[in-house]
Amino acid sequence: MATDPSQRFLRCPQIGFIAQEVEKVLPELVHTNDEGYKSLSYDKLTAVLLEAIKEQQAIIEELKSVNEKQSAEIALQNELLTKQQSEIEAIRAFVGME
């Protein structure tokens, strides 16, 4: 594929997505012209990314909830363990094992 000066590619570094990689996942967002140049519909990509962020945020919230529950369970288990250790020490003292 020859370089076409009419494409007006900027010579400075660019930031963006590689159309071929996006095409593997979201082919409807990539257009290939008659000369084989690929372009990406960034306007449509915004909606896809926003939905992905919403889904990710829902997962984060669920994990935070699970984490809070597990933290509470761990705290309760630690309280029970401390109580049992105190009871063991009291029994040992009672039977003269200390």
N, C-alpha and C. Protein backbone atom coordinates (compact mmCIF):
# COMPACT_ATOMS: atom_id res chain seq x y z
N MET A 1 0.85 -1.17 0.00
CA MET A 1 0.00 0.00 0.00
C MET A 1 0.90 1.24 0.00
N ALA A 2 0.78 2.06 -1.01
CA ALA A 2 1.61 3.26 -1.13
C ALA A 2 1.06 4.37 -0.25
N THR A 3 1.96 5.26 0.16
CA THR A 3 1.53 6.39 0.96
C THR A 3 0.84 7.40 0.07
N ASP A 4 -0.34 7.80 0.45
CA ASP A 4 -1.14 8.75 -0.33
C ASP A 4 -1.09 10.11 0.33
N PRO A 5 -0.46 11.11 -0.30
CA PRO A 5 -0.37 12.44 0.33
C PRO A 5 -1.73 13.08 0.53
N SER A 6 -2.75 12.64 -0.19
CA SER A 6 -4.07 13.25 -0.03
C SER A 6 -4.73 12.85 1.28
N GLN A 7 -4.19 11.84 1.96
CA GLN A 7 -4.75 11.42 3.24
C GLN A 7 -4.46 12.44 4.34
N ARG A 8 -3.47 13.29 4.13
CA ARG A 8 -3.12 14.36 5.05
C ARG A 8 -2.83 13.86 6.47
N PHE A 9 -2.00 12.86 6.57
CA PHE A 9 -1.59 12.38 7.88
C PHE A 9 -0.68 13.41 8.52
N LEU A 10 -0.88 13.67 9.77
CA LEU A 10 -0.03 14.61 10.49
C LEU A 10 1.31 13.96 10.78
N ARG A 11 2.35 14.74 10.72
CA ARG A 11 3.69 14.20 10.95
C ARG A 11 4.04 14.11 12.44
N CYS A 12 3.31 14.79 13.28
CA CYS A 12 3.59 14.73 14.72
C CYS A 12 2.94 13.50 15.33
N PRO A 13 3.43 13.06 16.48
CA PRO A 13 2.84 11.88 17.14
C PRO A 13 1.35 12.08 17.42
N GLN A 14 0.60 11.03 17.23
CA GLN A 14 -0.84 11.06 17.43
C GLN A 14 -1.24 10.12 18.56
N ILE A 15 -2.37 10.43 19.19
CA ILE A 15 -2.93 9.58 20.23
C ILE A 15 -4.25 9.03 19.71
N GLY A 16 -4.45 7.74 19.89
CA GLY A 16 -5.70 7.15 19.43
C GLY A 16 -5.64 5.64 19.53
N PHE A 17 -6.62 5.02 18.90
CA PHE A 17 -6.70 3.57 18.87
C PHE A 17 -6.20 3.06 17.52
N ILE A 18 -5.75 1.83 17.50
CA ILE A 18 -5.37 1.19 16.24
C ILE A 18 -6.63 0.55 15.68
N ALA A 19 -7.04 1.01 14.51
CA ALA A 19 -8.31 0.57 13.92
C ALA A 19 -8.37 -0.94 13.77
N GLN A 20 -7.25 -1.58 13.41
CA GLN A 20 -7.24 -3.03 13.22
C GLN A 20 -7.54 -3.76 14.53
N GLU A 21 -7.09 -3.21 15.65
CA GLU A 21 -7.35 -3.85 16.94
C GLU A 21 -8.80 -3.65 17.36
N VAL A 22 -9.33 -2.46 17.16
CA VAL A 22 -10.73 -2.18 17.48
C VAL A 22 -11.63 -3.04 16.60
N GLU A 23 -11.25 -3.20 15.35
CA GLU A 23 -12.05 -3.96 14.38
C GLU A 23 -12.27 -5.41 14.84
N LYS A 24 -11.31 -5.98 15.57
CA LYS A 24 -11.45 -7.35 16.07
C LYS A 24 -12.59 -7.47 17.08
N VAL A 25 -12.83 -6.40 17.83
CA VAL A 25 -13.83 -6.43 18.89
C VAL A 25 -15.13 -5.74 18.47
N LEU A 26 -15.00 -4.62 17.79
CA LEU A 26 -16.16 -3.83 17.38
C LEU A 26 -16.04 -3.46 15.90
N PRO A 27 -16.24 -4.42 15.02
CA PRO A 27 -16.04 -4.16 13.59
C PRO A 27 -16.95 -3.07 13.03
N GLU A 28 -18.10 -2.86 13.66
CA GLU A 28 -19.03 -1.85 13.16
C GLU A 28 -18.52 -0.42 13.35
N LEU A 29 -17.47 -0.24 14.12
CA LEU A 29 -16.91 1.09 14.34
C LEU A 29 -15.76 1.41 13.38
N VAL A 30 -15.37 0.46 12.54
CA VAL A 30 -14.23 0.66 11.65
C VAL A 30 -14.71 0.68 10.20
N HIS A 31 -14.21 1.67 9.47
CA HIS A 31 -14.52 1.78 8.04
C HIS A 31 -13.22 1.62 7.26
N THR A 32 -13.27 0.85 6.18
CA THR A 32 -12.12 0.69 5.29
C THR A 32 -12.48 1.30 3.95
N ASN A 33 -11.67 2.27 3.51
CA ASN A 33 -11.97 2.91 2.22
C ASN A 33 -11.49 2.04 1.06
N ASP A 34 -11.70 2.51 -0.15
CA ASP A 34 -11.36 1.74 -1.35
C ASP A 34 -9.87 1.45 -1.47
N GLU A 35 -9.05 2.28 -0.83
CA GLU A 35 -7.61 2.10 -0.90
C GLU A 35 -7.06 1.26 0.25
N GLY A 36 -7.95 0.80 1.13
CA GLY A 36 -7.53 -0.04 2.23
C GLY A 36 -7.22 0.69 3.52
N TYR A 37 -7.34 2.01 3.52
CA TYR A 37 -7.11 2.77 4.74
C TYR A 37 -8.29 2.59 5.69
N LYS A 38 -7.98 2.38 6.94
CA LYS A 38 -9.02 2.17 7.94
C LYS A 38 -9.18 3.43 8.78
N SER A 39 -10.43 3.68 9.15
CA SER A 39 -10.72 4.81 10.03
C SER A 39 -11.68 4.34 11.11
N LEU A 40 -11.66 5.03 12.20
CA LEU A 40 -12.44 4.64 13.36
C LEU A 40 -13.49 5.70 13.65
N SER A 41 -14.71 5.28 13.91
CA SER A 41 -15.79 6.22 14.27
C SER A 41 -15.70 6.49 15.77
N TYR A 42 -14.91 7.48 16.12
CA TYR A 42 -14.70 7.80 17.53
C TYR A 42 -16.00 8.24 18.20
N ASP A 43 -16.91 8.89 17.45
CA ASP A 43 -18.16 9.34 18.04
C ASP A 43 -18.99 8.16 18.54
N LYS A 44 -18.98 7.05 17.82
CA LYS A 44 -19.70 5.85 18.25
C LYS A 44 -18.97 5.12 19.37
N LEU A 45 -17.66 5.24 19.39
CA LEU A 45 -16.86 4.58 20.41
C LEU A 45 -17.15 5.14 21.80
N THR A 46 -17.49 6.40 21.87
CA THR A 46 -17.78 7.05 23.15
C THR A 46 -18.90 6.33 23.89
N ALA A 47 -19.96 6.00 23.18
CA ALA A 47 -21.10 5.31 23.81
C ALA A 47 -20.69 3.93 24.33
N VAL A 48 -19.89 3.23 23.55
CA VAL A 48 -19.42 1.89 23.96
C VAL A 48 -18.56 1.99 25.21
N LEU A 49 -17.65 2.96 25.22
CA LEU A 49 -16.78 3.14 26.38
C LEU A 49 -17.57 3.54 27.61
N LEU A 50 -18.56 4.40 27.44
CA LEU A 50 -19.38 4.82 28.57
C LEU A 50 -20.13 3.63 29.18
N GLU A 51 -20.67 2.77 28.34
CA GLU A 51 -21.36 1.57 28.85
C GLU A 51 -20.39 0.65 29.57
N ALA A 52 -19.19 0.52 29.04
CA ALA A 52 -18.19 -0.32 29.69
C ALA A 52 -17.82 0.24 31.06
N ILE A 53 -17.73 1.56 31.16
CA ILE A 53 -17.43 2.19 32.45
C ILE A 53 -18.57 1.95 33.43
N LYS A 54 -19.80 2.04 32.97
CA LYS A 54 -20.96 1.78 33.85
C LYS A 54 -20.94 0.34 34.36
N GLU A 55 -20.66 -0.60 33.47
CA GLU A 55 -20.59 -2.01 33.88
C GLU A 55 -19.46 -2.22 34.87
N GLN A 56 -18.33 -1.61 34.60
CA GLN A 56 -17.19 -1.74 35.50
C GLN A 56 -17.50 -1.14 36.86
N GLN A 57 -18.19 -0.01 36.88
CA GLN A 57 -18.54 0.62 38.15
C GLN A 57 -19.50 -0.25 38.95
N ALA A 58 -20.43 -0.91 38.27
CA ALA A 58 -21.35 -1.82 38.96
C ALA A 58 -20.58 -2.97 39.60
N ILE A 59 -19.59 -3.49 38.89
CA ILE A 59 -18.75 -4.57 39.43
C ILE A 59 -17.97 -4.06 40.64
N ILE A 60 -17.44 -2.85 40.55
CA ILE A 60 -16.69 -2.27 41.67
C ILE A 60 -17.59 -2.13 42.89
N GLU A 61 -18.80 -1.64 42.70
CA GLU A 61 -19.73 -1.47 43.82
C GLU A 61 -20.07 -2.81 44.46
N GLU A 62 -20.28 -3.83 43.63
CA GLU A 62 -20.57 -5.17 44.15
C GLU A 62 -19.39 -5.70 44.95
N LEU A 63 -18.18 -5.52 44.43
CA LEU A 63 -16.99 -5.99 45.14
C LEU A 63 -16.78 -5.22 46.45
N LYS A 64 -17.10 -3.93 46.45
CA LYS A 64 -16.99 -3.15 47.69
C LYS A 64 -17.96 -3.69 48.73
N SER A 65 -19.16 -4.05 48.29
CA SER A 65 -20.16 -4.60 49.21
C SER A 65 -19.69 -5.94 49.78
N VAL A 66 -19.17 -6.79 48.93
CA VAL A 66 -18.65 -8.09 49.38
C VAL A 66 -17.50 -7.87 50.35
N ASN A 67 -16.62 -6.93 50.04
CA ASN A 67 -15.47 -6.63 50.90
C ASN A 67 -15.92 -6.14 52.27
N GLU A 68 -16.92 -5.27 52.29
CA GLU A 68 -17.43 -4.78 53.58
C GLU A 68 -18.02 -5.91 54.42
N LYS A 69 -18.77 -6.81 53.78
CA LYS A 69 -19.35 -7.95 54.49
C LYS A 69 -18.24 -8.85 55.04
N GLN A 70 -17.24 -9.12 54.22
CA GLN A 70 -16.15 -9.98 54.66
C GLN A 70 -15.36 -9.32 55.79
N SER A 71 -15.17 -8.02 55.71
CA SER A 71 -14.46 -7.30 56.78
C SER A 71 -15.24 -7.40 58.09
N ALA A 72 -16.55 -7.27 58.01
CA ALA A 72 -17.38 -7.40 59.21
C ALA A 72 -17.29 -8.81 59.78
N GLU A 73 -17.31 -9.82 58.90
CA GLU A 73 -17.20 -11.20 59.35
C GLU A 73 -15.84 -11.46 60.00
N ILE A 74 -14.79 -10.91 59.43
CA ILE A 74 -13.45 -11.07 60.00
C ILE A 74 -13.37 -10.42 61.37
N ALA A 75 -13.95 -9.24 61.50
CA ALA A 75 -13.96 -8.55 62.80
C ALA A 75 -14.69 -9.39 63.85
N LEU A 76 -15.82 -9.97 63.47
CA LEU A 76 -16.57 -10.81 64.39
C LEU A 76 -15.76 -12.05 64.77
N GLN A 77 -15.11 -12.67 63.80
CA GLN A 77 -14.29 -13.84 64.08
C GLN A 77 -13.13 -13.48 65.01
N ASN A 78 -12.54 -12.31 64.81
CA ASN A 78 -11.45 -11.87 65.69
C ASN A 78 -11.95 -11.66 67.11
N GLU A 79 -13.15 -11.10 67.26
CA GLU A 79 -13.73 -10.92 68.59
C GLU A 79 -13.94 -12.27 69.26
N LEU A 80 -14.49 -13.23 68.51
CA LEU A 80 -14.73 -14.55 69.06
C LEU A 80 -13.41 -15.23 69.44
N LEU A 81 -12.41 -15.08 68.61
CA LEU A 81 -11.11 -15.67 68.89
C LEU A 81 -10.51 -15.08 70.16
N THR A 82 -10.60 -13.78 70.30
CA THR A 82 -10.07 -13.13 71.51
C THR A 82 -10.82 -13.62 72.74
N LYS A 83 -12.13 -13.76 72.64
CA LYS A 83 -12.93 -14.27 73.75
C LYS A 83 -12.53 -15.70 74.11
N GLN A 84 -12.34 -16.54 73.08
CA GLN A 84 -11.96 -17.93 73.32
C GLN A 84 -10.57 -18.01 73.95
N GLN A 85 -9.65 -17.15 73.51
CA GLN A 85 -8.31 -17.14 74.10
C GLN A 85 -8.38 -16.76 75.58
N SER A 86 -9.23 -15.80 75.89
CA SER A 86 -9.39 -15.41 77.30
C SER A 86 -9.98 -16.55 78.12
N GLU A 87 -10.96 -17.24 77.54
CA GLU A 87 -11.56 -18.38 78.24
C GLU A 87 -10.54 -19.49 78.45
N ILE A 88 -9.71 -19.76 77.46
CA ILE A 88 -8.67 -20.79 77.59
C ILE A 88 -7.69 -20.41 78.70
N GLU A 89 -7.29 -19.15 78.73
CA GLU A 89 -6.37 -18.69 79.78
C GLU A 89 -7.02 -18.83 81.16
N ALA A 90 -8.32 -18.53 81.24
CA ALA A 90 -9.01 -18.65 82.53
C ALA A 90 -9.09 -20.12 82.96
N ILE A 91 -9.35 -21.02 82.02
CA ILE A 91 -9.41 -22.46 82.34
C ILE A 91 -8.04 -22.95 82.77
N ARG A 92 -7.00 -22.53 82.07
CA ARG A 92 -5.65 -22.94 82.44
C ARG A 92 -5.29 -22.44 83.84
N ALA A 93 -5.66 -21.23 84.14
CA ALA A 93 -5.40 -20.69 85.46
C ALA A 93 -6.19 -21.48 86.51
N PHE A 94 -7.39 -21.86 86.19
CA PHE A 94 -8.25 -22.59 87.12
C PHE A 94 -7.68 -23.97 87.42
N VAL A 95 -7.16 -24.63 86.39
CA VAL A 95 -6.64 -25.98 86.61
C VAL A 95 -5.16 -25.96 86.95
N GLY A 96 -4.58 -24.79 87.06
CA GLY A 96 -3.20 -24.66 87.48
C GLY A 96 -2.19 -24.96 86.39
N MET A 97 -2.49 -24.68 85.17
CA MET A 97 -1.58 -24.94 84.08
C MET A 97 -0.72 -23.71 83.74
N GLU A 98 -0.88 -22.64 84.46
CA GLU A 98 -0.09 -21.44 84.15
C GLU A 98 1.08 -21.30 85.04
